[in-house]
Structure formats: structure tokens, C-alpha cells
């Protein structure tokens, strides 16, 4: 009997219901050229997961003169963060001064050139919607939290983008699909990093 192959990123694969589920971010990019759903199970109640999610955002400053609030990072596992400069590592404690409220803006991670902004389109107890633009491209990224019992939470994310431009040239999503495992790898690291932080003593 042939063994069934398991995806190396099965822990961040969404369910069929999650992929079909309408989310509040869907109207921001109504005709997306790219849609990526991810789903992961986290070891903590939704309220604890949310405390970490509201801190996400770039740790490093865009320039030496940038005095804007440095956010909590993107939460990679410790074994990966050891390879990064200290200033690029995600926080491992809750900083009450870092908030996320509807209408709030913070800088994108990119350095140099015209500053780009991430806008908090919606922030509730169970849903966070981030939006932004890069040139003519508009994107949305939603995080939804559902408690599933046994002190665990299901985190469902959806990224939507249109149009897809690479160095100003329009590229079909089908041409970029071979790179989708890179996104899956990052989200797997994100899952591991969040679970590490949820396991820390408060």
C-alpha cells in the first residue's frame, strides 16, 4: 500500500471552509489577482493570541532619523532569529505601548525611497485587517481568531493583492506560483514563533 504524501507545510494549510469563508477584507481588493489563505492552530486562547498580533510590524527603523514607534516584529522561531541582528528580532514580551486600532498607520518594512504605510482597516477582538499600497498595487491581509477548545485558537489569514507588478511589469499570478512555498515557509515560521511566545510565562 502506497504511503500518502504529507505536505511539509500541512500545519499552515487552510481548511476548505476557511478558503470559502467571506472575510471583511474581501471588499478592499474586490477583484484580486492573488489570494493566499493560511490556517494554523495556536496553543493559547484567542485573547492571548491577539495580544501578540496587535504588536506585529517592522522592528527596524527606516532611517537613522526615523523616530516613529518600532513595532514588535514578525515573530520567527528562536533558532531563526538567532541568525538575525538584534534589532530585527521580534519581541518576546508584551509591550503595552504598542497598540493596533482602526485607522492607525505604521511604516512598511522597506527601506529607502518614498515611505510606504500599513493602515489598520479594522481591529476587533477577533479580527485584524491590514491594508496598503505599493505603487499601483493594493493589498489586504486579514487575521481572524476562532477558539476551538482545549485552550487552543485557530488563526486564519488571507492575503489579497491586485495588480501584480514586478519592476513595473504586470505579471500573471500563475507565473509566480512556483514561489508560493516561500510564503508557506514564512507562515510556518510565524506559527512556530507565535507558539513559542504563547508558551512563555507572563
Protein backbone atom coordinates (compact mmCIF):
# COMPACT_ATOMS: atom_id res chain seq x y z
CA UNK A 1 0.00 0.00 0.00
CA UNK A 2 1.42 3.34 -1.06
CA UNK A 3 2.01 5.90 1.68
CA UNK A 4 0.07 9.13 1.37
CA UNK A 5 2.35 12.12 0.97
CA UNK A 6 2.12 14.81 3.60
CA UNK A 7 2.81 18.41 2.68
CA UNK A 8 5.78 19.92 4.58
CA UNK A 9 3.50 22.89 5.24
CA UNK A 10 0.40 20.96 6.33
CA UNK A 11 0.40 22.83 9.66
CA UNK A 12 -0.41 26.12 7.88
CA UNK A 13 -2.81 24.80 5.26
CA UNK A 14 -6.35 26.25 5.45
CA UNK A 15 -9.44 24.08 5.51
CA UNK A 16 -11.92 24.14 2.62
CA UNK A 17 -14.38 26.04 4.80
CA UNK A 18 -11.74 28.66 5.61
CA UNK A 19 -10.99 29.19 1.91
CA UNK A 20 -14.70 29.62 1.14
CA UNK A 21 -15.39 31.84 4.12
CA UNK A 22 -16.18 35.50 3.32
CA UNK A 23 -13.96 37.88 5.30
CA UNK A 24 -14.23 41.64 5.94
CA UNK A 25 -11.08 42.32 3.91
CA UNK A 26 -12.55 40.85 0.70
CA UNK A 27 -14.18 44.13 -0.36
CA UNK A 28 -10.90 46.09 -0.10
CA UNK A 29 -9.43 44.23 -3.09
CA UNK A 30 -12.66 43.05 -4.78
CA UNK A 31 -11.02 41.57 -7.90
CA UNK A 32 -7.70 40.15 -6.66
CA UNK A 33 -5.13 38.61 -8.95
CA UNK A 34 -3.57 36.83 -5.98
CA UNK A 35 -5.32 35.23 -2.98
CA UNK A 36 -3.40 33.24 -0.37
CA UNK A 37 -5.20 31.64 2.59
CA UNK A 38 -3.32 30.14 5.52
CA UNK A 39 -4.66 28.43 8.62
CA UNK A 40 -2.86 27.39 11.79
CA UNK A 41 -3.68 26.10 15.26
CA UNK A 42 -2.10 28.01 18.14
CA UNK A 43 -1.62 26.92 21.74
CA UNK A 44 -3.49 29.61 23.63
CA UNK A 45 -6.84 31.39 23.96
CA UNK A 46 -7.81 34.00 21.37
CA UNK A 47 -7.29 36.88 23.81
CA UNK A 48 -3.65 35.85 24.35
CA UNK A 49 -3.01 35.40 20.62
CA UNK A 50 -4.47 38.83 19.93
CA UNK A 51 -2.03 40.47 22.38
CA UNK A 52 0.81 39.27 20.17
CA UNK A 53 -0.90 40.07 16.86
CA UNK A 54 -1.51 43.73 17.74
CA UNK A 55 2.27 44.21 18.04
CA UNK A 56 3.22 42.90 14.58
CA UNK A 57 5.05 45.25 12.27
CA UNK A 58 8.63 46.18 11.40
CA UNK A 59 11.16 46.31 14.24
CA UNK A 60 13.87 48.23 12.40
CA UNK A 61 13.81 51.94 11.70
CA UNK A 62 13.54 53.07 8.10
CA UNK A 63 16.34 55.59 8.62
CA UNK A 64 18.59 56.89 11.39
CA UNK A 65 16.29 59.92 11.72
CA UNK A 66 13.14 57.85 11.98
CA UNK A 67 11.68 58.38 15.44
CA UNK A 68 8.44 56.51 14.79
CA UNK A 69 7.44 53.70 17.11
CA UNK A 70 9.29 50.47 16.39
CA UNK A 71 6.78 47.61 16.46
CA UNK A 72 7.07 44.02 17.66
CA UNK A 73 8.46 42.35 14.55
CA UNK A 74 7.12 39.39 12.57
CA UNK A 75 7.69 36.60 15.14
CA UNK A 76 10.08 33.98 13.88
CA UNK A 77 11.19 30.98 15.97
CA UNK A 78 14.22 31.46 18.20
CA UNK A 79 16.51 29.23 16.10
CA UNK A 80 15.91 31.52 13.07
CA UNK A 81 16.05 34.80 14.99
CA UNK A 82 19.49 33.88 16.36
CA UNK A 83 20.76 34.39 12.80
CA UNK A 84 19.35 37.94 12.62
CA UNK A 85 20.71 41.21 14.01
CA UNK A 86 19.31 42.01 17.46
CA UNK A 87 17.32 44.98 16.11
CA UNK A 88 15.50 42.71 13.62
CA UNK A 89 14.36 40.09 16.14
CA UNK A 90 10.73 40.00 17.21
CA UNK A 91 9.71 40.91 20.74
CA UNK A 92 9.31 38.09 23.24
CA UNK A 93 7.21 40.04 25.71
CA UNK A 94 4.04 42.11 25.53
CA UNK A 95 4.71 45.84 25.29
CA UNK A 96 1.53 47.71 26.36
CA UNK A 97 2.71 50.84 24.50
CA UNK A 98 2.34 49.08 21.12
CA UNK A 99 -1.30 49.19 20.05
CA UNK A 100 -3.34 48.47 16.95
CA UNK A 101 -6.52 50.46 16.46
CA UNK A 102 -8.78 51.08 13.47
CA UNK A 103 -7.36 53.93 11.36
CA UNK A 104 -3.86 53.66 12.81
CA UNK A 105 -0.90 53.73 10.40
CA UNK A 106 2.65 52.47 10.68
CA UNK A 107 5.55 52.24 8.27
CA UNK A 108 6.08 49.32 5.95
CA UNK A 109 9.36 47.44 6.39
CA UNK A 110 11.00 48.66 3.17
CA UNK A 111 13.99 50.96 3.46
CA UNK A 112 14.84 53.95 1.25
CA UNK A 113 12.72 55.90 -1.22
CA UNK A 114 9.25 57.20 -0.50
CA UNK A 115 7.90 55.87 2.82
CA UNK A 116 5.15 53.26 2.48
CA UNK A 117 2.41 52.82 5.05
CA UNK A 118 0.37 49.98 6.50
CA UNK A 119 -3.12 51.02 7.57
CA UNK A 120 -5.22 49.22 10.19
CA UNK A 121 -8.56 48.97 8.38
CA UNK A 122 -10.26 47.08 11.22
CA UNK A 123 -9.23 45.89 14.67
CA UNK A 124 -11.69 43.96 16.85
CA UNK A 125 -11.27 41.23 19.46
CA UNK A 126 -11.33 38.51 16.79
CA UNK A 127 -10.37 40.25 13.51
CA UNK A 128 -7.49 42.44 12.36
CA UNK A 129 -7.43 43.80 8.79
CA UNK A 130 -4.29 45.48 7.42
CA UNK A 131 -4.14 47.25 4.06
CA UNK A 132 -1.54 49.06 1.99
CA UNK A 133 -0.38 50.08 -1.45
CA UNK A 134 2.88 49.67 -3.34
CA UNK A 135 2.72 51.87 -6.41
CA UNK A 136 -0.41 50.83 -8.31
CA UNK A 137 -0.73 47.60 -6.29
CA UNK A 138 -3.26 47.41 -3.47
CA UNK A 139 -3.23 44.63 -0.90
CA UNK A 140 -5.14 43.46 2.18
CA UNK A 141 -4.14 40.99 4.89
CA UNK A 142 -6.68 39.73 7.43
CA UNK A 143 -6.17 37.75 10.65
CA UNK A 144 -9.22 36.05 12.20
CA UNK A 145 -9.29 34.20 15.53
CA UNK A 146 -11.64 31.35 16.46
CA UNK A 147 -11.34 29.44 19.73
CA UNK A 148 -11.55 25.68 19.12
CA UNK A 149 -11.44 24.34 22.68
CA UNK A 150 -8.71 22.85 24.87
CA UNK A 151 -7.16 26.31 25.25
CA UNK A 152 -6.35 26.50 21.53
CA UNK A 153 -7.15 29.02 18.81
CA UNK A 154 -7.47 28.70 15.06
CA UNK A 155 -5.80 31.59 13.20
CA UNK A 156 -6.95 32.07 9.61
CA UNK A 157 -5.15 34.59 7.42
CA UNK A 158 -5.95 35.76 3.90
CA UNK A 159 -3.76 37.92 1.68
CA UNK A 160 -5.28 39.55 -1.43
CA UNK A 161 -3.45 41.68 -3.98
CA UNK A 162 -4.02 43.34 -7.35
CA UNK A 163 -2.45 44.06 -9.76
CA UNK A 164 0.76 42.02 -9.52
CA UNK A 165 3.63 44.22 -10.66
CA UNK A 166 7.32 43.26 -10.73
CA UNK A 167 9.60 46.20 -11.54
CA UNK A 168 6.61 47.93 -13.10
CA UNK A 169 5.67 44.98 -15.33
CA UNK A 170 2.34 43.20 -14.95
CA UNK A 171 2.91 39.52 -14.10
CA UNK A 172 0.19 36.83 -14.00
CA UNK A 173 -0.13 35.01 -10.68
CA UNK A 174 0.38 31.68 -12.46
CA UNK A 175 3.97 32.74 -13.24
CA UNK A 176 4.69 33.34 -9.55
CA UNK A 177 3.01 30.22 -8.13
CA UNK A 178 6.34 28.29 -8.00
CA UNK A 179 7.39 30.79 -5.29
CA UNK A 180 4.31 30.15 -3.12
CA UNK A 181 6.24 27.67 -0.89
CA UNK A 182 8.37 30.63 0.24
CA UNK A 183 5.24 32.24 1.70
CA UNK A 184 4.22 28.91 3.25
CA UNK A 185 7.66 28.57 4.84
CA UNK A 186 7.44 32.05 6.35
CA UNK A 187 3.95 31.33 7.73
CA UNK A 188 5.22 28.06 9.22
CA UNK A 189 7.98 30.01 10.96
CA UNK A 190 5.37 32.57 12.05
CA UNK A 191 3.26 29.75 13.54
CA UNK A 192 6.25 28.36 15.41
CA UNK A 193 7.31 31.82 16.62
CA UNK A 194 3.82 32.61 17.90
CA UNK A 195 3.54 29.28 19.73
CA UNK A 196 6.94 29.87 21.36
CA UNK A 197 5.76 33.26 22.61
CA UNK A 198 2.41 31.91 23.79
CA UNK A 199 4.32 29.36 25.86
CA UNK A 200 6.37 31.98 27.69
CA UNK A 201 5.50 32.69 31.30
CA UNK A 202 3.81 36.05 31.75
